[in-house]
Protein backbone atom coordinates (compact mmCIF):
# COMPACT_ATOMS: atom_id res chain seq x y z
CA UNK A 1 171.69 128.74 98.86
CA UNK A 2 169.99 129.77 96.23
CA UNK A 3 168.55 127.46 93.47
CA UNK A 4 170.65 128.74 90.87
CA UNK A 5 173.75 128.59 92.45
CA UNK A 6 173.14 125.34 93.90
CA UNK A 7 175.82 122.83 91.74
CA UNK A 8 173.04 119.96 92.19
CA UNK A 9 170.72 122.37 89.89
CA UNK A 10 173.47 123.38 87.52
CA UNK A 11 174.25 119.59 86.84
CA UNK A 12 170.99 119.07 85.98
CA UNK A 13 169.82 121.64 84.34
CA UNK A 14 172.93 121.32 81.98
CA UNK A 15 171.84 117.70 81.48
CA UNK A 16 168.75 118.09 80.73
CA UNK A 17 169.25 120.91 78.27
CA UNK A 18 171.84 118.59 76.57
CA UNK A 19 169.59 115.60 76.52
CA UNK A 20 166.70 117.79 75.00
CA UNK A 21 168.43 119.23 72.45
CA UNK A 22 169.70 115.67 71.38
CA UNK A 23 166.07 114.19 71.47
CA UNK A 24 164.63 117.48 69.62
CA UNK A 25 167.20 116.90 66.81
CA UNK A 26 167.20 113.45 66.76
CA UNK A 27 163.42 113.30 66.36
CA UNK A 28 163.19 116.18 63.74
CA UNK A 29 166.03 113.74 61.96
CA UNK A 30 164.14 110.81 62.08
CA UNK A 31 160.92 112.57 61.15
CA UNK A 32 162.18 113.85 58.30
CA UNK A 33 163.86 110.50 56.67
CA UNK A 34 160.76 108.88 57.61
CA UNK A 35 158.56 111.22 55.97
CA UNK A 36 160.93 111.28 52.96
CA UNK A 37 160.83 107.54 52.90
CA UNK A 38 157.04 107.23 53.15
CA UNK A 39 156.31 109.94 50.54
CA UNK A 40 159.13 108.36 48.15
CA UNK A 41 157.44 104.63 48.76
CA UNK A 42 154.25 106.13 47.91
CA UNK A 43 155.31 107.98 44.61
CA UNK A 44 157.06 104.75 43.48
CA UNK A 45 153.86 102.92 44.13
CA UNK A 46 151.77 105.28 42.44
CA UNK A 47 153.78 105.08 39.30
CA UNK A 48 153.72 101.99 38.60
CA UNK A 49 150.11 101.79 39.52
CA UNK A 50 150.20 104.78 36.65
CA UNK A 51 152.37 102.62 34.08
CA UNK A 52 150.09 99.35 34.73
CA UNK A 53 146.90 101.61 34.06
CA UNK A 54 148.45 103.66 30.86
CA UNK A 55 149.16 100.34 29.60
CA UNK A 56 146.08 98.77 30.16
CA UNK A 57 144.04 101.80 28.50
CA UNK A 58 146.95 101.60 25.44
CA UNK A 59 146.04 97.91 24.56
CA UNK A 60 142.10 97.96 26.08
CA UNK A 61 141.12 101.27 25.49
CA UNK A 62 140.64 104.12 27.54
CA UNK A 63 136.99 103.26 28.22
CA UNK A 64 138.89 99.91 30.35
CA UNK A 65 139.24 103.37 33.04
CA UNK A 66 135.73 103.84 33.76
CA UNK A 67 135.76 100.13 35.19
CA UNK A 68 138.37 100.57 38.10
CA UNK A 69 136.66 100.55 41.38
CA UNK A 70 139.32 101.65 43.93
CA UNK A 71 141.49 103.62 41.77
CA UNK A 72 141.17 107.67 41.29
CA UNK A 73 141.89 108.08 37.21
CA UNK A 74 141.18 109.70 34.48
CA UNK A 75 141.82 109.76 30.68
CA UNK A 76 142.66 113.16 29.44
CA UNK A 77 143.26 114.25 25.45
CA UNK A 78 146.06 116.67 24.16
CA UNK A 79 143.17 119.46 25.34
CA UNK A 80 143.06 118.42 28.54
CA UNK A 81 139.57 117.49 28.02
CA UNK A 82 138.66 113.81 30.38
CA UNK A 83 138.06 111.20 27.83
CA UNK A 84 137.43 108.49 30.54
CA UNK A 85 137.32 108.30 34.44
CA UNK A 86 136.93 105.69 36.95
CA UNK A 87 133.89 105.68 39.47
CA UNK A 88 135.56 107.77 42.07
CA UNK A 89 137.33 110.59 40.05
CA UNK A 90 133.55 112.28 39.73
CA UNK A 91 134.91 115.59 41.31
CA UNK A 92 136.15 117.10 38.12
CA UNK A 93 139.67 117.18 36.05
CA UNK A 94 142.18 116.15 37.66
CA UNK A 95 145.40 118.62 37.18
CA UNK A 96 147.60 116.35 34.76
CA UNK A 97 150.28 119.56 35.11
CA UNK A 98 150.74 118.98 38.72
CA UNK A 99 152.84 115.58 38.06
CA UNK A 100 154.77 114.32 41.34
CA UNK A 101 152.48 117.30 43.80
CA UNK A 102 150.42 116.65 46.33
CA UNK A 103 146.92 118.17 45.66
CA UNK A 104 143.58 118.65 47.39
CA UNK A 105 141.21 116.50 45.33
CA UNK A 106 137.90 115.87 46.90
CA UNK A 107 138.76 117.57 50.12
CA UNK A 108 141.33 115.02 50.38
CA UNK A 109 145.22 114.67 49.86
CA UNK A 110 146.04 113.31 46.75
CA UNK A 111 149.32 112.56 44.77
CA UNK A 112 148.97 113.26 41.24
CA UNK A 113 151.22 111.27 38.97
CA UNK A 114 150.29 111.24 34.99
CA UNK A 115 151.61 108.82 32.37
CA UNK A 116 151.55 108.95 28.26
CA UNK A 117 149.15 106.14 26.73
CA UNK A 118 150.54 104.44 23.95
CA UNK A 119 148.23 103.62 21.20
CA UNK A 120 149.21 99.59 20.59
CA UNK A 121 146.66 98.25 17.83
CA UNK A 122 148.71 94.79 17.81
CA UNK A 123 148.21 94.63 21.15
CA UNK A 124 144.12 94.56 21.60
CA UNK A 125 142.94 91.05 20.82
CA UNK A 126 141.70 89.63 17.68
CA UNK A 127 137.86 89.24 17.02
CA UNK A 128 138.23 86.79 14.30
CA UNK A 129 136.14 88.88 11.74
CA UNK A 130 137.24 91.90 9.87
CA UNK A 131 133.93 93.52 9.75
CA UNK A 132 133.64 93.30 13.12
CA UNK A 133 137.17 94.53 13.76
CA UNK A 134 136.31 97.29 11.24
CA UNK A 135 132.93 98.09 13.12
CA UNK A 136 135.12 98.27 16.28
CA UNK A 137 137.76 100.91 14.72
CA UNK A 138 134.74 102.86 13.91
CA UNK A 139 133.16 102.75 17.07
CA UNK A 140 136.36 103.26 19.13
CA UNK A 141 136.87 106.53 17.30
CA UNK A 142 136.26 108.31 20.54
CA UNK A 143 138.46 106.34 22.13
CA UNK A 144 141.79 106.86 19.93
CA UNK A 145 144.06 108.96 21.66
CA UNK A 146 146.36 109.20 18.45
CA UNK A 147 149.49 108.60 21.15
CA UNK A 148 148.55 112.39 22.81
CA UNK A 149 146.50 110.93 25.44
CA UNK A 150 147.62 110.75 28.81
CA UNK A 151 146.43 108.63 32.28
CA UNK A 152 146.11 110.95 35.12
CA UNK A 153 146.59 109.17 38.85
CA UNK A 154 145.58 110.26 41.60
CA UNK A 155 146.86 108.62 45.11
CA UNK A 156 145.43 109.41 48.38
CA UNK A 157 148.15 110.09 50.77
CA UNK A 158 145.79 111.34 53.58
CA UNK A 159 146.80 108.02 55.54
CA UNK A 160 150.48 108.25 54.92
CA UNK A 161 150.29 112.01 56.71
CA UNK A 162 148.34 110.65 59.57
CA UNK A 163 150.90 108.12 60.40
CA UNK A 164 153.62 110.45 60.01
CA UNK A 165 151.39 112.88 62.45
CA UNK A 166 151.14 109.90 64.76
CA UNK A 167 155.08 109.18 64.65
CA UNK A 168 155.50 113.03 65.41
CA UNK A 169 153.12 112.88 68.27
CA UNK A 170 155.12 109.59 69.87
CA UNK A 171 158.72 111.30 69.28
CA UNK A 172 157.30 114.50 71.21
CA UNK A 173 156.16 112.36 73.69
CA UNK A 174 158.91 110.17 73.70
CA UNK A 175 161.53 113.02 74.01
CA UNK A 176 159.37 114.66 76.75
CA UNK A 177 159.70 111.40 78.55
CA UNK A 178 163.10 110.45 78.35
CA UNK A 179 163.88 114.45 79.31
CA UNK A 180 161.76 114.38 82.22
CA UNK A 181 163.39 110.84 83.24
CA UNK A 182 166.85 112.46 83.01
CA UNK A 183 166.29 115.15 84.82
CA UNK A 184 164.88 113.14 87.60
CA UNK A 185 167.59 110.69 87.40
CA UNK A 186 170.33 113.40 87.37
CA UNK A 187 168.92 115.67 90.42
CA UNK A 188 168.21 112.48 92.35
CA UNK A 189 172.49 110.69 91.70
CA UNK A 190 173.76 114.27 92.22
CA UNK A 191 172.01 114.62 95.25
CA UNK A 192 173.22 111.55 96.38
CA UNK A 193 176.66 111.98 95.41
CA UNK A 194 177.13 115.28 96.73
CA UNK A 195 175.22 114.06 99.98
CA UNK A 196 178.55 113.84 101.84
CA UNK A 197 180.12 117.19 100.47
CA UNK A 198 177.13 118.38 102.72
CA UNK A 199 177.71 116.45 105.57
CA UNK A 200 181.42 117.81 105.82
CA UNK A 201 180.61 121.11 105.05
CA UNK A 202 178.17 121.18 108.42
CA UNK A 203 180.71 119.22 110.40
CA UNK A 204 183.40 121.43 109.18
CA UNK A 205 180.99 124.75 110.26
CA UNK A 206 180.81 123.00 113.48
CA UNK A 207 184.76 123.11 114.40
CA UNK A 208 185.85 126.48 116.06
CA UNK A 209 189.03 127.53 117.23
CA UNK A 210 188.50 126.01 120.70
CA UNK A 211 187.62 122.67 118.84
CA UNK A 212 190.19 122.02 116.33
CA UNK A 213 190.54 118.34 117.73
CA UNK A 214 187.01 117.24 115.74
CA UNK A 215 187.49 115.45 112.68
CA UNK A 216 185.19 114.88 109.80
CA UNK A 217 184.14 111.34 108.85
CA UNK A 218 186.03 109.86 105.92
CA UNK A 219 183.97 107.80 103.28
CA UNK A 220 184.99 104.29 102.82
CA UNK A 221 183.80 104.73 98.89
CA UNK A 222 187.61 106.05 98.44
CA UNK A 223 186.61 108.45 95.58
CA UNK A 224 186.74 112.05 95.39
CA UNK A 225 184.87 112.36 98.26
CA UNK A 226 186.88 110.57 100.25
CA UNK A 227 189.98 112.01 99.54
CA UNK A 228 188.54 115.59 100.06
CA UNK A 229 187.41 114.44 103.63
CA UNK A 230 190.97 113.08 104.20
CA UNK A 231 192.41 116.31 103.16
CA UNK A 232 189.86 118.42 105.43
CA UNK A 233 191.06 116.29 108.10
CA UNK A 234 195.13 116.88 106.96
CA UNK A 235 193.94 120.71 107.34
CA UNK A 236 192.70 120.55 110.84
CA UNK A 237 195.77 118.02 111.66
CA UNK A 238 197.92 121.38 110.95
CA UNK A 239 195.53 123.65 111.98
CA UNK A 240 195.30 122.15 115.72
CA UNK A 241 198.95 121.98 115.42
CA UNK A 242 199.54 125.11 114.62
CA UNK A 243 197.06 126.50 117.09
CA UNK A 244 198.95 124.25 119.96
CA UNK A 245 202.06 125.66 119.14
CA UNK A 246 200.66 129.32 119.12
CA UNK A 247 199.07 129.07 122.69
CA UNK A 248 202.23 127.38 123.76
CA UNK A 249 204.27 129.88 122.25
CA UNK A 250 201.97 132.47 123.71
CA UNK A 251 202.40 130.89 127.18
CA UNK A 252 206.37 130.67 127.08
CA UNK A 253 206.78 134.43 125.34
CA UNK A 254 204.63 135.86 128.33
CA UNK A 255 206.18 134.04 131.30
CA UNK A 256 209.56 134.89 129.63
CA UNK A 257 208.82 138.61 129.26
CA UNK A 258 207.19 138.16 132.97
CA UNK A 259 210.55 137.63 134.99
CA UNK A 260 212.66 140.97 133.53
CA UNK A 261 209.82 143.10 134.14
CA UNK A 262 209.40 141.69 137.50
CA UNK A 263 213.11 141.85 138.32
CA UNK A 264 212.88 145.56 137.30
CA UNK A 265 209.48 145.91 139.08
CA UNK A 266 211.37 144.62 142.10
CA UNK A 267 214.21 146.57 141.99
CA UNK A 268 212.55 150.04 141.41
CA UNK A 269 210.09 149.34 144.57
CA UNK A 270 213.08 148.42 146.68
CA UNK A 271 214.58 151.69 145.90
CA UNK A 272 211.20 153.32 146.33
CA UNK A 273 210.74 151.91 149.53
CA UNK A 274 214.56 151.80 151.04
CA UNK A 275 216.48 154.08 149.25
CA UNK A 276 219.32 153.16 151.47
CA UNK A 277 219.30 149.62 150.83
CA UNK A 278 220.41 150.39 146.61
CA UNK A 279 221.86 152.70 144.93
CA UNK A 280 220.58 154.45 141.37
CA UNK A 281 223.80 152.67 139.89
CA UNK A 282 222.53 149.39 140.95
CA UNK A 283 218.85 150.10 139.81
CA UNK A 284 220.06 151.23 136.31
CA UNK A 285 222.49 148.01 135.97
CA UNK A 286 219.34 145.85 136.89
CA UNK A 287 217.12 147.77 134.15
CA UNK A 288 220.32 147.83 131.86
CA UNK A 289 220.50 144.20 131.99
CA UNK A 290 216.95 142.96 132.18
CA UNK A 291 216.25 145.27 129.44
CA UNK A 292 218.92 143.30 126.99
CA UNK A 293 217.50 140.28 127.91
CA UNK A 294 213.85 141.71 127.02
CA UNK A 295 215.29 143.31 123.84
CA UNK A 296 217.19 140.00 122.76
CA UNK A 297 213.77 137.92 123.75
CA UNK A 298 212.13 140.10 121.33
CA UNK A 299 214.18 140.07 118.48
CA UNK A 300 214.68 136.02 118.60
CA UNK A 301 210.40 135.89 118.29
CA UNK A 302 210.02 138.67 115.59
CA UNK A 303 213.05 136.08 113.86
CA UNK A 304 210.85 133.31 113.93
CA UNK A 305 207.83 135.04 113.20
CA UNK A 306 209.58 136.15 109.98
CA UNK A 307 210.69 132.18 109.28
CA UNK A 308 207.10 131.32 110.65
CA UNK A 309 205.40 133.40 107.60
CA UNK A 310 207.70 131.89 105.04
CA UNK A 311 209.56 135.78 104.05
CA UNK A 312 211.44 135.60 101.12
CA UNK A 313 215.05 135.60 101.95
CA UNK A 314 217.75 137.06 100.02
CA UNK A 315 220.37 134.75 98.16
CA UNK A 316 223.63 136.00 98.51
CA UNK A 317 227.08 134.31 97.81
CA UNK A 318 228.05 134.50 101.95
CA UNK A 319 231.53 132.87 103.17
CA UNK A 320 230.87 130.47 105.80
CA UNK A 321 234.38 130.02 106.96
CA UNK A 322 234.38 134.31 107.66
CA UNK A 323 231.07 134.00 109.75
CA UNK A 324 233.12 131.04 111.68
CA UNK A 325 236.33 133.14 112.00
CA UNK A 326 234.70 136.01 113.38
CA UNK A 327 232.81 134.13 115.64
CA UNK A 328 235.92 132.12 117.14
CA UNK A 329 237.79 135.40 117.57
CA UNK A 330 235.04 136.95 119.26
CA UNK A 331 234.84 133.91 122.02
CA UNK A 332 238.93 133.90 122.32
CA UNK A 333 238.20 137.99 123.33
CA UNK A 334 235.94 136.84 125.90
CA UNK A 335 238.23 134.43 127.39
CA UNK A 336 237.17 131.11 125.69
CA UNK A 337 239.55 128.47 124.39
CA UNK A 338 238.98 127.67 120.57
CA UNK A 339 240.13 125.73 118.26
CA UNK A 340 239.44 126.98 114.81
CA UNK A 341 242.01 125.03 112.94
CA UNK A 342 239.03 122.57 111.22
CA UNK A 343 237.92 125.90 109.67
CA UNK A 344 238.26 125.45 106.12
CA UNK A 345 237.01 128.03 102.96
CA UNK A 346 233.42 127.04 101.95
CA UNK A 347 230.57 129.42 100.40
CA UNK A 348 227.01 128.97 100.71
CA UNK A 349 224.01 131.22 99.32
CA UNK A 350 221.91 132.95 101.91
CA UNK A 351 220.83 135.27 103.89
CA UNK A 352 224.25 136.85 105.82
CA UNK A 353 222.80 137.73 108.52
CA UNK A 354 220.62 135.11 109.37
CA UNK A 355 223.68 132.76 108.54
CA UNK A 356 225.65 134.73 110.76
CA UNK A 357 223.14 134.12 113.52
CA UNK A 358 223.48 130.54 113.13
CA UNK A 359 227.08 130.38 113.88
CA UNK A 360 226.68 132.84 117.14
CA UNK A 361 223.92 131.38 118.74
CA UNK A 362 225.69 127.78 118.14
CA UNK A 363 229.12 129.48 119.26
CA UNK A 364 227.62 130.89 122.86
CA UNK A 365 226.03 127.38 123.37
CA UNK A 366 228.70 126.06 123.32
CA UNK A 367 230.93 128.43 125.22
CA UNK A 368 227.88 128.54 127.88
CA UNK A 369 228.21 124.84 128.56
CA UNK A 370 231.60 124.21 127.96
CA UNK A 371 234.12 123.37 130.69
CA UNK A 372 236.79 124.74 128.74
CA UNK A 373 237.12 124.04 125.58
CA UNK A 374 235.13 125.06 122.38
CA UNK A 375 236.20 124.04 118.67
CA UNK A 376 234.71 125.09 115.32
CA UNK A 377 234.87 123.64 112.08
CA UNK A 378 233.54 124.14 108.24
CA UNK A 379 234.10 121.62 105.40
CA UNK A 380 232.54 121.19 102.18
CA UNK A 381 231.41 117.40 101.72
CA UNK A 382 229.73 116.16 98.10
CA UNK A 383 228.65 119.87 97.61
CA UNK A 384 227.31 120.12 100.87
CA UNK A 385 228.81 123.13 103.50
CA UNK A 386 229.07 121.56 106.56
CA UNK A 387 229.13 123.22 110.30
CA UNK A 388 230.39 121.87 113.48
CA UNK A 389 230.59 123.40 116.80
CA UNK A 390 231.81 120.95 119.28
CA UNK A 391 232.18 121.86 123.38
CA UNK A 392 233.48 119.68 126.13
CA UNK A 393 230.70 119.96 128.67
CA UNK A 394 228.14 117.37 129.82
CA UNK A 395 226.62 116.62 126.43
CA UNK A 396 222.78 116.27 125.72
CA UNK A 397 221.17 113.39 126.73
CA UNK A 398 220.05 110.85 123.63
CA UNK A 399 216.47 112.02 124.07
CA UNK A 400 216.89 115.60 124.59
CA UNK A 401 218.46 116.15 121.13
CA UNK A 402 215.42 116.85 119.33
CA UNK A 403 213.89 118.69 121.90
CA UNK A 404 216.58 121.23 122.40
CA UNK A 405 216.01 122.75 119.43
CA UNK A 406 211.65 123.17 120.48
CA UNK A 407 211.33 127.19 121.17
CA UNK A 408 211.75 127.89 125.06
CA UNK A 409 213.29 124.43 126.00
CA UNK A 410 216.13 124.22 128.54
CA UNK A 411 217.57 121.69 130.12
CA UNK A 412 217.86 120.96 133.82
CA UNK A 413 221.78 122.30 133.77
CA UNK A 414 220.69 125.60 131.63
CA UNK A 415 217.89 126.40 133.94
CA UNK A 416 218.80 129.05 135.50
CA UNK A 417 218.27 132.69 133.82
CA UNK A 418 221.82 133.65 134.13
CA UNK A 419 223.13 130.36 132.09
CA UNK A 420 220.51 129.37 129.77
CA UNK A 421 219.59 132.19 128.14
CA UNK A 422 216.06 133.21 126.76
CA UNK A 423 215.62 129.02 125.48
CA UNK A 424 215.31 130.94 121.90
CA UNK A 425 218.38 130.44 120.30
CA UNK A 426 218.52 126.54 118.89
CA UNK A 427 215.02 127.31 118.08
CA UNK A 428 216.42 130.18 115.81
CA UNK A 429 219.25 128.13 114.21
CA UNK A 430 217.06 124.86 113.14
CA UNK A 431 214.13 127.56 111.60
CA UNK A 432 216.98 129.60 109.43
CA UNK A 433 218.47 126.14 108.13
CA UNK A 434 215.37 124.33 107.59
CA UNK A 435 214.55 127.70 105.34
CA UNK A 436 217.78 127.75 103.92
CA UNK A 437 217.28 124.26 102.83
CA UNK A 438 219.83 122.83 105.19
CA UNK A 439 219.79 120.31 108.45
CA UNK A 440 220.77 120.78 112.12
CA UNK A 441 221.57 117.78 114.26
CA UNK A 442 222.89 117.20 117.61
CA UNK A 443 225.04 114.41 118.87
CA UNK A 444 228.28 113.30 120.72
CA UNK A 445 231.19 115.65 120.45
CA UNK A 446 234.77 114.08 120.16
CA UNK A 447 235.73 116.56 123.16
CA UNK A 448 233.32 114.73 125.47
CA UNK A 449 230.28 117.02 125.32
CA UNK A 450 227.70 117.98 122.78
CA UNK A 451 228.27 118.54 118.49
CA UNK A 452 225.97 120.52 116.45
CA UNK A 453 226.05 119.73 113.27
CA UNK A 454 224.61 121.61 109.82
CA UNK A 455 224.87 121.08 106.96
CA UNK A 456 223.41 123.48 104.06
CA UNK A 457 223.75 123.40 100.19
CA UNK A 458 227.61 124.91 99.36
CA UNK A 459 226.98 127.33 96.49
CA UNK A 460 228.96 126.81 93.36
């Protein structure tokens, strides 16, 4: 089987793609949230530090910014001129107009934060000497910002970027690892789950028409695979039974067809070898009788074949009592005593031709085995049509009452070809009744012989 069409491969691929998509989207979302959190934290810390430095510059003077060692800070006036700067801010003026942005300064990414400086003279420490204070005021003219100066602070964010990059690499590696693990585990689990299916397939491939007695092993897991194996075995049981019945049917049909053919051939050879021993009329009578026997046999086989194929049947309203009365009249015309007093009006739905064959086959069977009398009855009970056919013959042994409905079955009494028929009559009755949704049984008759009872759904 090509790899792309393998169920195992398709399931593994689908699971891998789904997990990969989830991991990628989850990693991107996590990285975005983490990056935003880190940037916001750095911005809040920078703003807090800028406020502290601006307050310090306002209280102690801008020159205090020059004493800073670890901060990159500058004080600029309204014109953008750098008034004071820390030791680390020696790479040129900081872009005060880029407040809240990340820029490159000294070859490193920094976050720019600016804060206005308030000139708070009252907050400055007193010298205790007015002259000194006046002198200080004169000396600090260069530091007087008159409220227009701003503090610009640059906070390095290179470490944050490195941390985010490391997290991104870890997320990518974990996504690849999880995806690979899921693919491997899915491939192994699906392969293990489908292993019984492969074994069942191989076992079924080895079963041929002459080895239908073989069965596949049923796992004890009780899961869907075990149900599949049980279903396969039930199918093999049906195929085995069907093949056995077909072989028996073909064998019996061949035997039944061989007998009339052999009879006609024997009479033809006798007429050719000894013309004086037989006449043309005798030969014609034999050929005609055996031809009719073959025709009945073939017709019966065709009916059974159509029923076996579950061919759709007509569902016409049929008067079952009319069919019974017609068969009673036919038997009386043949010299059989028939009691039809039990025939009442009943209507059923079905194929009138097949239903008529039910009544005829049962009537012929009763007449064949009766000593002197046959009784036919039709009635309706609880929405079911009931047809009974009785004879006063020797009856059917209890152990044979189900077997008589099998094909080509003739009891010892009816083994003779002239008395026993083809052995398909009752088989046709059973097949037609079952196809019509009814049942047929054999039992003891009040007349002393056999009773056949057919039950069919009555028409409304």
